[in-house]
Structures are given as C-alpha cells and as structure tokens.
Amino acid sequence: MIRYEAPVGLRLNRYFIWVTVWSNEGEDCLWWSSNDRKWMIYEDIKGPASTCRGCHSLKSFKRMLRKHPNIQGRAELVSRYKGYSIYDDPE
C-alpha cells in the first residue's frame, strides 16, 4: 500500500532521487546490484552494489515494485524535498 508523507493537496508525483529498501526484523538487507539489475542480498552480489537505486517518479516506483516482487519490508521513494517521500508498506 502506497503511503505519502505529505498531506492531500501537497503531494508530489515527481522530483524524487532514489529508492531505498528497509528490511523487516530478522531479514537480510537488500542491495541494488548494478550488474544483475535487481535487488539482492549483499553476500550474493558480484560487482558494484548500492543500498539505493535511482528512481525519479511515482510511476517508475510502482513499476519497480511490480518487477521486483522479492522486495520484503518497506520501500521508500526519497524526495528531493523534506516531507514529501512516499512509502510502500506491505500489510
């Protein structure tokens, strides 16, 4: 379920920087593998990796969530502006 930090009327659908994934308690943290182009556990990655992936709009964030069902935990679309981030909370 998509949750906004900003109240209705002040929400943004673009001007975002990246996506980061927060793991649930007891689960391994997921990293973005640049070579494999998917979210993976750090120990399985061969090559460059990062805890965040570039994503600049709400539409591309939703598409990324659809294409990577292995994301467990909370995904956050980080805004350029404080207080405008968007979260995907699995419930």
Protein backbone atom coordinates (compact mmCIF):
# COMPACT_ATOMS: atom_id res chain seq x y z
CA MET A 1 0.00 0.00 0.00
CA ILE A 2 1.42 3.37 -1.03
CA ARG A 3 1.63 5.93 1.78
CA TYR A 4 2.52 9.58 1.40
CA GLU A 5 4.42 11.71 3.90
CA ALA A 6 2.76 14.90 2.63
CA PRO A 7 -0.92 15.70 3.24
CA VAL A 8 -3.50 15.61 0.43
CA GLY A 9 -3.18 18.63 -1.83
CA LEU A 10 0.57 18.97 -1.30
CA ARG A 11 1.72 15.61 -2.69
CA LEU A 12 4.30 15.32 -5.47
CA ASN A 13 4.42 12.65 -8.18
CA ARG A 14 7.90 13.55 -9.42
CA TYR A 15 11.13 15.22 -8.22
CA PHE A 16 12.41 12.13 -6.43
CA ILE A 17 16.02 10.99 -6.08
CA TRP A 18 16.16 7.26 -5.37
CA VAL A 19 14.54 4.19 -3.85
CA THR A 20 15.88 2.53 -0.72
CA VAL A 21 14.61 -0.67 0.91
CA TRP A 22 14.31 -1.17 4.68
CA SER A 23 14.26 -4.84 5.67
CA ASN A 24 11.98 -6.36 8.27
CA GLU A 25 13.44 -7.52 11.56
CA GLY A 26 15.41 -10.75 11.20
CA GLU A 27 15.72 -10.48 7.40
CA ASP A 28 18.77 -9.69 5.32
CA CYS A 29 19.01 -6.18 3.89
CA LEU A 30 18.59 -5.93 0.11
CA TRP A 31 21.12 -4.11 -2.07
CA TRP A 32 20.75 -2.99 -5.70
CA SER A 33 23.15 -4.95 -7.92
CA SER A 34 24.21 -2.82 -10.89
CA ASN A 35 25.47 -5.82 -12.88
CA ASP A 36 22.41 -8.05 -12.33
CA ARG A 37 19.95 -5.10 -12.28
CA LYS A 38 17.92 -6.46 -9.37
CA TRP A 39 17.63 -6.29 -5.57
CA MET A 40 19.76 -8.97 -3.92
CA ILE A 41 21.26 -9.99 -0.59
CA TYR A 42 24.70 -8.41 -0.26
CA GLU A 43 26.57 -11.74 0.02
CA ASP A 44 25.21 -12.88 -3.38
CA ILE A 45 26.36 -9.79 -5.29
CA LYS A 46 29.39 -9.91 -7.57
CA GLY A 47 30.33 -6.41 -8.69
CA PRO A 48 29.19 -2.90 -7.78
CA ALA A 49 26.20 -2.52 -5.46
CA SER A 50 24.32 0.19 -3.59
CA THR A 51 21.62 0.44 -0.93
CA CYS A 52 19.64 2.76 -3.22
CA ARG A 53 18.56 2.83 -6.86
CA GLY A 54 17.78 5.87 -8.96
CA CYS A 55 14.06 6.44 -9.45
CA HIS A 56 12.56 9.81 -10.32
CA SER A 57 8.75 9.43 -10.43
CA LEU A 58 5.87 7.69 -8.68
CA LYS A 59 5.07 5.79 -11.90
CA SER A 60 8.58 4.32 -12.13
CA PHE A 61 8.47 3.48 -8.39
CA LYS A 62 5.27 1.46 -8.85
CA ARG A 63 6.74 -0.28 -11.91
CA MET A 64 9.90 -1.15 -9.95
CA LEU A 65 7.79 -2.68 -7.14
CA ARG A 66 5.86 -4.76 -9.70
CA LYS A 67 9.02 -6.01 -11.44
CA HIS A 68 10.83 -6.90 -8.19
CA PRO A 69 8.43 -8.95 -6.04
CA ASN A 70 11.37 -10.16 -3.90
CA ILE A 71 11.33 -6.85 -2.02
CA GLN A 72 10.20 -7.67 1.50
CA GLY A 73 9.94 -4.87 4.01
CA ARG A 74 9.43 -1.19 3.39
CA ALA A 75 10.48 0.52 0.17
CA GLU A 76 10.90 4.30 0.30
CA LEU A 77 10.86 6.68 -2.67
CA VAL A 78 13.03 9.52 -1.37
CA SER A 79 12.01 13.04 -2.39
CA ARG A 80 14.35 15.93 -3.14
CA TYR A 81 12.31 17.92 -0.64
CA LYS A 82 11.90 17.16 3.05
CA GLY A 83 8.50 15.78 4.00
CA TYR A 84 7.46 14.56 0.53
CA SER A 85 8.75 10.96 0.45
CA ILE A 86 6.48 8.05 -0.48
CA TYR A 87 6.48 4.61 1.20
CA ASP A 88 5.31 1.15 0.23
CA ASP A 89 4.28 -0.59 3.45
CA PRO A 90 3.40 -4.27 3.00
CA GLU A 91 0.39 -5.07 5.14
